[in-house]
């Protein structure tokens, strides 16, 4: 458990798994607070490059001696129990805590903690809200699950009383937070290896809503979210959605081109005017609606919201265009749940491309097994589907689940064990005017980067 008094007295913090997207924003904030930071990871990467550019020493390879000199040690849930550095930390007398506990402590340091949760859309909505508040000079501290170009990373340390935080439900980590204002985007059947049932997930979101001290903005269109909100009182409550009963409702949507949407936003009987976003898809209009509502609550002028939302062109790994090779556009997206795949691929099909190629890396055996038919249905939206083997991450394949089983359910799809084979196949078969989008929360982005660098002349 995190001892707040010990953390305040500590000077040297060590991070096991410092290269992860969840660790990086915390490192940025704590480094900005004046702590000496060190860390280790198993692989090089762009995040580690950025941390080293900040003057933070990072060791590749997790070894017991890496923890020497630390006053406190933090680790991620992705670190396996037999990790030698984690074992050494546990055997030492150095205080240690999991990343979620550190994030929870940070959320307690601000009087206006905006915590954004939901199965889908957390990173985009958190990024939108951060960009609006940052651009409007409200100077928020932020923790985001993806890279936001406007702030030069995954997080920042501000000097105001506003904290914007992506709140992840994985293993109930979001219940360690102390939200003042909550945004609940949706609730779907993800992380079922932990929750077991959707009812258990809804119960956790209900507890999260109960913990929120000042205000809640929630998706009034989503049945599971409405269930989670039953019995919640004692704070301001607002809804957003397409339904006419919502407090914040987008309407009159126009799409001058596929990636741009212009819509009018209503707050009950009052029109707030038109807003423009440059990220595709109907789902992103709703994400923007939630971000606008929260920004209004934070005291941001409407004209500033309008300007800085329009300047937002997406977060890293959220329909991120990486380049064009031989007239073929290469993009990457973090979508790893069937609902996310469907939303991303539907948005992609609305863009002016000849064919949409989905390059999908399934993540975890349990999710692939539980949602296999849903994955097949979502992937079938694409014109062509190419898959890699499943990235097991923290799991072992005890049920004998393989990508080949999913491929059998998606007509015309193919799969390959390695990214080299995938990249070669796709770039040899895709044509000028096509979109190739890599999909998944693992390391499938590496495949996209391979394709961007390929010479297909």
Protein backbone atom coordinates (compact mmCIF):
# COMPACT_ATOMS: atom_id res chain seq x y z
CA UNK A 1 0.00 0.00 0.00
CA UNK A 2 1.11 3.54 -0.71
CA UNK A 3 2.13 5.51 2.37
CA UNK A 4 1.46 9.17 1.52
CA UNK A 5 3.73 10.43 4.29
CA UNK A 6 6.63 8.32 3.01
CA UNK A 7 6.06 9.55 -0.53
CA UNK A 8 6.19 13.18 0.57
CA UNK A 9 9.49 12.53 2.36
CA UNK A 10 11.01 10.49 -0.48
CA UNK A 11 13.47 11.98 -2.95
CA UNK A 12 14.40 9.06 -5.24
CA UNK A 13 11.56 7.11 -6.91
CA UNK A 14 12.22 3.97 -8.95
CA UNK A 15 9.79 2.61 -11.55
CA UNK A 16 9.73 -1.05 -12.63
CA UNK A 17 8.20 -1.01 -16.12
CA UNK A 18 8.95 2.69 -16.69
CA UNK A 19 8.42 2.39 -20.46
CA UNK A 20 4.70 1.67 -20.22
CA UNK A 21 2.06 4.15 -21.37
CA UNK A 22 0.50 4.06 -17.91
CA UNK A 23 3.76 4.88 -16.16
CA UNK A 24 4.98 7.64 -18.46
CA UNK A 25 2.49 10.39 -17.47
CA UNK A 26 3.13 9.71 -13.78
CA UNK A 27 6.87 9.94 -14.42
CA UNK A 28 6.36 13.25 -16.24
CA UNK A 29 4.34 14.70 -13.35
CA UNK A 30 6.60 13.48 -10.53
CA UNK A 31 9.71 14.58 -12.41
CA UNK A 32 8.09 17.99 -12.70
CA UNK A 33 7.46 17.95 -8.94
CA UNK A 34 11.21 17.63 -8.34
CA UNK A 35 11.63 13.93 -7.57
CA UNK A 36 14.71 12.06 -8.77
CA UNK A 37 13.44 9.30 -11.06
CA UNK A 38 15.07 6.07 -12.22
CA UNK A 39 13.53 3.07 -13.93
CA UNK A 40 13.86 -0.16 -15.82
CA UNK A 41 12.09 -1.99 -18.61
CA UNK A 42 12.60 -4.98 -20.86
CA UNK A 43 12.53 -3.23 -24.23
CA UNK A 44 13.61 0.03 -25.80
CA UNK A 45 10.86 2.28 -27.16
CA UNK A 46 9.74 5.83 -27.91
CA UNK A 47 8.59 6.40 -24.32
CA UNK A 48 11.97 5.41 -22.93
CA UNK A 49 13.61 7.70 -25.50
CA UNK A 50 11.44 10.56 -24.21
CA UNK A 51 12.25 9.75 -20.58
CA UNK A 52 15.97 9.69 -21.26
CA UNK A 53 15.61 13.05 -23.02
CA UNK A 54 14.20 14.32 -19.70
CA UNK A 55 17.43 13.23 -18.01
CA UNK A 56 15.97 10.07 -16.46
CA UNK A 57 18.31 7.05 -16.44
CA UNK A 58 16.54 3.93 -17.70
CA UNK A 59 18.08 0.45 -17.57
CA UNK A 60 17.03 -2.20 -20.08
CA UNK A 61 16.72 -5.52 -18.30
CA UNK A 62 15.10 -5.90 -14.92
CA UNK A 63 17.68 -6.87 -12.32
CA UNK A 64 17.76 -6.75 -8.50
CA UNK A 65 20.56 -4.18 -8.42
CA UNK A 66 18.39 -1.63 -10.27
CA UNK A 67 16.51 -0.73 -7.08
CA UNK A 68 19.59 0.39 -5.17
CA UNK A 69 19.32 3.89 -3.71
CA UNK A 70 15.54 4.20 -4.17
CA UNK A 71 13.37 5.66 -1.41
CA UNK A 72 10.19 4.23 -2.96
CA UNK A 73 9.47 1.72 -5.73
CA UNK A 74 6.49 1.62 -8.10
CA UNK A 75 5.50 -1.17 -10.47
CA UNK A 76 2.70 -1.93 -12.93
CA UNK A 77 0.13 -4.72 -12.88
CA UNK A 78 1.75 -6.07 -16.05
CA UNK A 79 4.92 -7.07 -14.15
CA UNK A 80 4.89 -10.82 -13.56
CA UNK A 81 5.14 -12.18 -10.01
CA UNK A 82 8.50 -13.89 -10.72
CA UNK A 83 10.14 -10.75 -12.11
CA UNK A 84 13.59 -10.65 -10.43
CA UNK A 85 13.49 -6.90 -9.84
CA UNK A 86 10.00 -7.08 -8.33
CA UNK A 87 11.09 -9.99 -6.10
CA UNK A 88 14.10 -7.99 -4.93
CA UNK A 89 11.88 -5.00 -4.20
CA UNK A 90 9.49 -7.11 -2.15
CA UNK A 91 12.41 -8.64 -0.23
CA UNK A 92 13.85 -5.21 0.55
CA UNK A 93 12.60 -2.80 3.17
CA UNK A 94 11.99 -0.11 0.56
CA UNK A 95 8.32 1.04 0.51
CA UNK A 96 6.59 0.07 -2.71
CA UNK A 97 3.19 0.40 -4.38
CA UNK A 98 1.40 -0.47 -7.61
CA UNK A 99 0.90 2.23 -10.24
CA UNK A 100 -2.86 2.54 -9.57
CA UNK A 101 -2.19 3.49 -5.95
CA UNK A 102 0.20 6.24 -7.05
CA UNK A 103 -2.43 7.56 -9.46
CA UNK A 104 -4.98 7.49 -6.65
CA UNK A 105 -2.65 9.56 -4.45
CA UNK A 106 -2.22 12.09 -7.25
CA UNK A 107 -5.98 12.45 -7.65
CA UNK A 108 -6.22 13.42 -3.96
CA UNK A 109 -3.84 16.36 -4.41
CA UNK A 110 -6.33 18.44 -6.42
CA UNK A 111 -9.67 20.02 -5.55
CA UNK A 112 -11.06 19.43 -9.05
CA UNK A 113 -10.15 15.95 -10.24
CA UNK A 114 -11.91 15.12 -13.51
CA UNK A 115 -11.77 11.33 -13.91
CA UNK A 116 -12.89 9.85 -17.24
CA UNK A 117 -13.92 6.20 -17.24
CA UNK A 118 -15.72 3.81 -19.59
CA UNK A 119 -14.97 0.74 -21.67
CA UNK A 120 -14.51 2.77 -24.87
CA UNK A 121 -13.33 6.30 -25.61
CA UNK A 122 -11.39 7.11 -22.43
CA UNK A 123 -8.17 8.21 -24.07
CA UNK A 124 -9.82 10.30 -26.77
CA UNK A 125 -12.17 12.06 -24.35
CA UNK A 126 -9.41 12.65 -21.79
CA UNK A 127 -7.22 14.04 -24.57
CA UNK A 128 -9.98 16.32 -25.85
CA UNK A 129 -10.68 17.72 -22.38
CA UNK A 130 -6.97 18.18 -21.65
CA UNK A 131 -6.36 19.97 -24.95
CA UNK A 132 -9.31 22.31 -24.33
CA UNK A 133 -8.26 23.18 -20.77
CA UNK A 134 -4.58 23.46 -21.68
CA UNK A 135 -5.29 25.64 -24.71
CA UNK A 136 -7.62 27.84 -22.66
CA UNK A 137 -4.76 28.35 -20.14
CA UNK A 138 -6.54 26.66 -17.24
CA UNK A 139 -3.20 24.85 -16.72
CA UNK A 140 -4.39 21.34 -15.79
CA UNK A 141 -2.28 18.44 -14.58
CA UNK A 142 -3.11 15.47 -16.81
CA UNK A 143 -2.71 11.70 -17.05
CA UNK A 144 -3.64 10.25 -20.45
CA UNK A 145 -3.39 6.72 -21.84
CA UNK A 146 -2.03 7.94 -25.16
CA UNK A 147 0.25 10.64 -26.53
CA UNK A 148 -1.29 14.09 -26.91
CA UNK A 149 0.87 16.22 -29.24
CA UNK A 150 -0.39 19.49 -27.71
CA UNK A 151 1.29 18.68 -24.39
CA UNK A 152 4.23 16.73 -25.79
CA UNK A 153 3.52 13.45 -24.05
CA UNK A 154 1.10 11.34 -22.06
CA UNK A 155 0.90 13.70 -19.10
CA UNK A 156 1.88 17.08 -17.75
CA UNK A 157 2.22 18.88 -14.46
CA UNK A 158 0.09 22.02 -14.25
CA UNK A 159 -0.16 24.58 -11.48
CA UNK A 160 -3.94 24.89 -11.17
CA UNK A 161 -6.31 22.88 -8.97
CA UNK A 162 -7.53 20.88 -12.01
CA UNK A 163 -6.49 17.26 -12.54
CA UNK A 164 -7.65 15.41 -15.68
CA UNK A 165 -7.22 11.67 -15.46
CA UNK A 166 -8.02 8.61 -17.54
CA UNK A 167 -9.62 6.18 -15.09
CA UNK A 168 -9.21 2.52 -16.07
CA UNK A 169 -11.56 -0.15 -14.74
CA UNK A 170 -9.01 -2.96 -15.17
CA UNK A 171 -8.93 -4.93 -11.90
CA UNK A 172 -10.95 -2.08 -10.31
CA UNK A 173 -7.97 0.27 -10.51
CA UNK A 174 -10.30 3.25 -10.90
CA UNK A 175 -11.70 2.60 -7.44
CA UNK A 176 -8.37 3.75 -6.01
CA UNK A 177 -9.03 7.25 -7.37
CA UNK A 178 -10.73 10.13 -5.56
CA UNK A 179 -12.83 11.74 -8.31
CA UNK A 180 -14.42 15.12 -7.77
CA UNK A 181 -16.04 15.08 -11.20
CA UNK A 182 -16.62 11.83 -13.10
CA UNK A 183 -17.33 11.23 -16.79
CA UNK A 184 -18.81 7.76 -17.42
CA UNK A 185 -18.75 7.12 -21.17
CA UNK A 186 -20.18 3.59 -21.43
CA UNK A 187 -19.97 0.12 -19.85
CA UNK A 188 -19.35 -2.98 -21.97
CA UNK A 189 -18.28 -6.57 -21.38
CA UNK A 190 -14.53 -6.13 -21.17
CA UNK A 191 -12.05 -7.49 -18.60
CA UNK A 192 -14.43 -10.37 -17.93
CA UNK A 193 -11.48 -12.50 -16.76
CA UNK A 194 -11.63 -10.23 -13.70
CA UNK A 195 -15.26 -9.11 -13.42
CA UNK A 196 -16.80 -12.44 -14.40
CA UNK A 197 -20.15 -10.88 -15.35
CA UNK A 198 -21.35 -7.57 -16.74
CA UNK A 199 -23.34 -7.14 -13.53
CA UNK A 200 -20.11 -7.14 -11.52
CA UNK A 201 -18.64 -4.51 -13.85
CA UNK A 202 -21.75 -2.35 -13.47
CA UNK A 203 -21.44 -2.68 -9.70
CA UNK A 204 -17.87 -1.36 -9.82
CA UNK A 205 -18.94 1.62 -11.88
CA UNK A 206 -21.71 2.26 -9.35
CA UNK A 207 -19.11 2.34 -6.58
CA UNK A 208 -17.01 4.72 -8.68
CA UNK A 209 -20.04 7.00 -9.06
CA UNK A 210 -20.67 6.84 -5.31
CA UNK A 211 -17.07 7.86 -4.64
CA UNK A 212 -17.41 10.95 -6.83
CA UNK A 213 -17.80 14.00 -4.62
CA UNK A 214 -19.12 16.85 -6.79
CA UNK A 215 -20.56 16.05 -10.22
CA UNK A 216 -21.14 13.21 -12.69
CA UNK A 217 -21.59 13.39 -16.46
CA UNK A 218 -22.83 10.08 -17.86
CA UNK A 219 -24.00 8.56 -21.13
CA UNK A 220 -27.77 8.59 -20.95
CA UNK A 221 -28.03 6.43 -24.09
CA UNK A 222 -26.13 3.49 -22.56
CA UNK A 223 -28.30 1.01 -20.67
CA UNK A 224 -25.48 -0.39 -18.55
CA UNK A 225 -24.38 3.10 -17.52
CA UNK A 226 -27.93 3.99 -16.54
CA UNK A 227 -28.01 0.88 -14.35
CA UNK A 228 -24.75 1.90 -12.70
CA UNK A 229 -26.23 5.30 -11.89
CA UNK A 230 -29.32 3.93 -10.16
CA UNK A 231 -29.55 5.26 -6.61
CA UNK A 232 -26.74 7.80 -7.04
CA UNK A 233 -27.53 11.15 -5.43
CA UNK A 234 -25.99 13.96 -3.40
CA UNK A 235 -24.04 15.51 -6.29
CA UNK A 236 -24.71 17.31 -9.56
CA UNK A 237 -25.74 14.84 -12.25
CA UNK A 238 -25.79 15.54 -16.00
CA UNK A 239 -26.45 13.28 -18.98
CA UNK A 240 -25.05 13.43 -22.49
CA UNK A 241 -26.22 11.49 -25.52
CA UNK A 242 -28.24 11.49 -28.72
CA UNK A 243 -31.56 11.06 -26.94
CA UNK A 244 -33.82 14.08 -26.53
CA UNK A 245 -33.87 13.67 -22.73
CA UNK A 246 -30.09 14.22 -22.47
CA UNK A 247 -28.80 17.41 -20.85
CA UNK A 248 -26.13 17.74 -23.55
CA UNK A 249 -27.16 16.58 -27.01
CA UNK A 250 -25.45 16.88 -30.42
CA UNK A 251 -27.66 17.45 -33.45
CA UNK A 252 -27.57 18.67 -37.06
CA UNK A 253 -24.40 16.70 -37.81
CA UNK A 254 -22.64 17.56 -41.05
CA UNK A 255 -19.58 15.86 -42.54
CA UNK A 256 -17.91 18.04 -45.20
CA UNK A 257 -15.37 15.24 -45.54
CA UNK A 258 -15.05 11.85 -43.89
CA UNK A 259 -12.69 12.85 -41.08
CA UNK A 260 -14.40 16.12 -40.14
CA UNK A 261 -17.71 16.45 -38.32
CA UNK A 262 -19.60 19.68 -37.59
CA UNK A 263 -22.48 19.55 -35.15
CA UNK A 264 -24.68 21.80 -33.05
CA UNK A 265 -24.67 21.14 -29.31
CA UNK A 266 -27.71 21.75 -27.17
CA UNK A 267 -27.77 22.13 -23.41
CA UNK A 268 -31.43 21.39 -22.77
CA UNK A 269 -33.36 24.20 -24.51
CA UNK A 270 -30.28 26.31 -25.21
CA UNK A 271 -28.11 26.04 -28.30
CA UNK A 272 -24.39 26.29 -27.54
CA UNK A 273 -23.57 26.78 -31.21
CA UNK A 274 -21.58 24.71 -33.68
CA UNK A 275 -18.48 22.66 -32.89
CA UNK A 276 -16.02 20.99 -35.25
CA UNK A 277 -13.94 17.88 -34.67
CA UNK A 278 -11.27 16.32 -36.88
CA UNK A 279 -11.48 12.73 -35.67
CA UNK A 280 -13.82 10.45 -37.61
CA UNK A 281 -16.87 8.58 -36.44
CA UNK A 282 -20.19 9.12 -34.72
CA UNK A 283 -18.71 7.79 -31.46
CA UNK A 284 -16.21 10.66 -31.41
CA UNK A 285 -19.02 13.22 -31.63
CA UNK A 286 -20.33 11.77 -28.36
CA UNK A 287 -16.82 11.79 -26.86
CA UNK A 288 -16.55 15.46 -27.82
CA UNK A 289 -19.95 16.17 -26.26
CA UNK A 290 -18.75 14.73 -22.93
CA UNK A 291 -15.51 16.73 -23.11
CA UNK A 292 -17.36 19.97 -23.92
CA UNK A 293 -19.77 19.47 -21.02
CA UNK A 294 -16.89 18.90 -18.60
CA UNK A 295 -14.98 21.90 -19.97
CA UNK A 296 -18.03 24.11 -19.42
CA UNK A 297 -18.22 22.79 -15.85
CA UNK A 298 -14.56 23.75 -15.39
CA UNK A 299 -15.38 27.33 -16.37
CA UNK A 300 -13.98 27.38 -19.89
CA UNK A 301 -15.49 30.01 -22.24
CA UNK A 302 -17.44 28.51 -25.14
CA UNK A 303 -15.30 30.25 -27.77
CA UNK A 304 -12.15 28.76 -26.23
CA UNK A 305 -13.75 25.30 -26.15
CA UNK A 306 -14.72 25.65 -29.79
CA UNK A 307 -11.25 26.76 -30.91
CA UNK A 308 -9.20 24.21 -28.99
CA UNK A 309 -11.50 21.28 -29.76
CA UNK A 310 -11.21 22.10 -33.45
CA UNK A 311 -7.41 22.09 -33.05
CA UNK A 312 -7.53 18.51 -31.74
CA UNK A 313 -6.53 15.96 -34.39
CA UNK A 314 -6.45 12.84 -32.25
CA UNK A 315 -4.31 11.17 -29.63
CA UNK A 316 -1.52 8.72 -30.36
CA UNK A 317 -2.75 5.30 -31.52
CA UNK A 318 -6.32 6.59 -31.97
CA UNK A 319 -6.90 6.46 -35.73
CA UNK A 320 -3.42 7.90 -36.07
CA UNK A 321 -2.31 8.40 -39.67
CA UNK A 322 1.34 7.33 -39.82
CA UNK A 323 2.09 7.92 -43.47
CA UNK A 324 1.45 7.05 -47.09
CA UNK A 325 3.40 4.57 -49.25
CA UNK A 326 2.69 4.20 -52.95
CA UNK A 327 -0.69 5.85 -52.49
CA UNK A 328 -1.60 3.48 -49.65
CA UNK A 329 -2.47 5.24 -46.38
CA UNK A 330 -1.16 3.56 -43.21
CA UNK A 331 -2.94 4.21 -39.89
CA UNK A 332 -2.88 2.73 -36.41
CA UNK A 333 -5.57 2.42 -33.74
CA UNK A 334 -5.69 1.05 -30.19
CA UNK A 335 -9.09 -0.66 -30.70
CA UNK A 336 -9.01 -4.10 -29.08
CA UNK A 337 -12.65 -4.81 -28.14
CA UNK A 338 -15.32 -5.74 -30.74
CA UNK A 339 -17.31 -2.54 -30.09
CA UNK A 340 -14.17 -0.45 -30.61
CA UNK A 341 -13.23 -2.35 -33.76
CA UNK A 342 -16.73 -1.84 -35.14
CA UNK A 343 -16.69 1.89 -34.37
CA UNK A 344 -13.23 2.40 -35.89
CA UNK A 345 -13.86 0.33 -39.00
CA UNK A 346 -17.29 1.92 -39.56
CA UNK A 347 -15.64 5.34 -39.37
CA UNK A 348 -12.91 4.16 -41.74
CA UNK A 349 -15.48 2.95 -44.28
CA UNK A 350 -17.04 6.42 -44.31
CA UNK A 351 -13.74 7.91 -45.49
CA UNK A 352 -12.98 8.21 -49.22
CA UNK A 353 -10.75 5.13 -49.55
CA UNK A 354 -11.11 2.34 -52.12
CA UNK A 355 -10.68 -0.53 -49.66
CA UNK A 356 -10.15 -0.70 -45.90
CA UNK A 357 -7.62 -3.27 -44.67
CA UNK A 358 -7.86 -4.30 -41.03
CA UNK A 359 -4.63 -5.69 -39.57
CA UNK A 360 -5.66 -7.04 -36.18
CA UNK A 361 -3.64 -8.38 -33.26
CA UNK A 362 -5.95 -10.12 -30.74
CA UNK A 363 -5.00 -9.37 -27.13
CA UNK A 364 -5.29 -12.00 -24.36
CA UNK A 365 -6.64 -15.50 -24.79
CA UNK A 366 -9.58 -15.00 -22.42
CA UNK A 367 -10.96 -11.97 -24.31
CA UNK A 368 -10.48 -13.67 -27.69
CA UNK A 369 -12.31 -16.80 -26.52
CA UNK A 370 -15.16 -14.97 -24.80
CA UNK A 371 -15.83 -12.51 -27.65
CA UNK A 372 -14.74 -14.52 -30.70
CA UNK A 373 -18.04 -14.27 -32.57
CA UNK A 374 -18.26 -10.55 -31.80
CA UNK A 375 -14.70 -10.05 -33.08
CA UNK A 376 -15.57 -11.88 -36.28
CA UNK A 377 -18.64 -9.72 -36.85
CA UNK A 378 -16.75 -6.47 -36.22
CA UNK A 379 -13.76 -7.40 -38.40
CA UNK A 380 -16.08 -8.33 -41.26
CA UNK A 381 -16.84 -4.61 -41.68
CA UNK A 382 -13.42 -4.23 -43.32
CA UNK A 383 -12.86 -5.14 -46.96
CA UNK A 384 -9.77 -7.22 -46.18
CA UNK A 385 -8.66 -8.70 -42.85
CA UNK A 386 -5.17 -9.83 -41.87
CA UNK A 387 -4.38 -11.06 -38.35
CA UNK A 388 -1.39 -11.90 -36.20
CA UNK A 389 -1.20 -14.56 -33.53
CA UNK A 390 -2.77 -13.64 -30.18
CA UNK A 391 -0.67 -11.53 -27.81
CA UNK A 392 -1.15 -13.36 -24.52
CA UNK A 393 0.43 -10.68 -22.32
CA UNK A 394 -0.12 -11.67 -18.70
CA UNK A 395 -2.06 -14.87 -19.57
CA UNK A 396 -1.19 -18.45 -20.44
CA UNK A 397 -3.08 -20.23 -23.21
CA UNK A 398 -4.73 -22.82 -21.02
CA UNK A 399 -7.84 -23.10 -23.25
CA UNK A 400 -6.04 -23.62 -26.56
CA UNK A 401 -7.28 -20.43 -28.23
CA UNK A 402 -5.64 -19.44 -31.52
CA UNK A 403 -6.03 -16.79 -34.19
CA UNK A 404 -6.69 -19.51 -36.77
CA UNK A 405 -10.02 -20.18 -35.03
CA UNK A 406 -11.02 -16.54 -35.39
CA UNK A 407 -9.83 -16.44 -39.01
CA UNK A 408 -12.18 -19.32 -39.85
CA UNK A 409 -15.10 -17.08 -38.84
CA UNK A 410 -14.05 -14.11 -41.01
CA UNK A 411 -14.53 -14.92 -44.71
CA UNK A 412 -11.46 -14.22 -46.83
CA UNK A 413 -9.22 -13.37 -43.88
CA UNK A 414 -5.64 -14.56 -43.51
CA UNK A 415 -3.26 -14.71 -40.58
CA UNK A 416 0.49 -14.90 -40.09
CA UNK A 417 2.60 -15.50 -36.98
CA UNK A 418 4.99 -12.56 -37.54
CA UNK A 419 4.76 -8.87 -38.40
CA UNK A 420 7.34 -9.23 -41.20
CA UNK A 421 5.06 -11.65 -43.01
CA UNK A 422 1.99 -9.48 -42.41
CA UNK A 423 3.69 -6.31 -43.65
CA UNK A 424 4.95 -8.03 -46.80
CA UNK A 425 1.58 -9.61 -47.58
CA UNK A 426 -0.41 -6.42 -47.07
CA UNK A 427 1.91 -4.12 -49.01
CA UNK A 428 2.13 -6.62 -51.87
CA UNK A 429 -1.67 -6.84 -52.16
CA UNK A 430 -2.98 -3.39 -51.16
CA UNK A 431 -3.49 -0.85 -53.92
CA UNK A 432 -3.24 2.89 -54.38
CA UNK A 433 -6.19 4.56 -52.65
CA UNK A 434 -6.52 1.88 -49.95
CA UNK A 435 -6.39 2.42 -46.19
CA UNK A 436 -4.45 -0.05 -44.03
CA UNK A 437 -5.17 0.29 -40.33
CA UNK A 438 -3.46 -1.77 -37.64
CA UNK A 439 -5.69 -2.54 -34.66
CA UNK A 440 -4.95 -3.74 -31.14
CA UNK A 441 -3.63 -2.68 -27.74
CA UNK A 442 -0.45 -4.75 -27.96
CA UNK A 443 2.54 -3.99 -30.18
CA UNK A 444 0.83 -4.23 -33.58
CA UNK A 445 1.78 -0.58 -34.15
CA UNK A 446 5.25 -1.94 -34.95
CA UNK A 447 3.75 -3.62 -38.00
CA UNK A 448 2.30 -0.29 -39.16
CA UNK A 449 5.70 1.34 -38.77
CA UNK A 450 7.27 -1.46 -40.83
CA UNK A 451 4.81 -0.84 -43.65
CA UNK A 452 5.42 2.92 -43.62
CA UNK A 453 9.12 2.27 -44.19
CA UNK A 454 8.65 -0.29 -46.99
CA UNK A 455 9.65 0.42 -50.56
CA UNK A 456 6.97 -1.02 -52.84
CA UNK A 457 7.93 0.82 -56.03
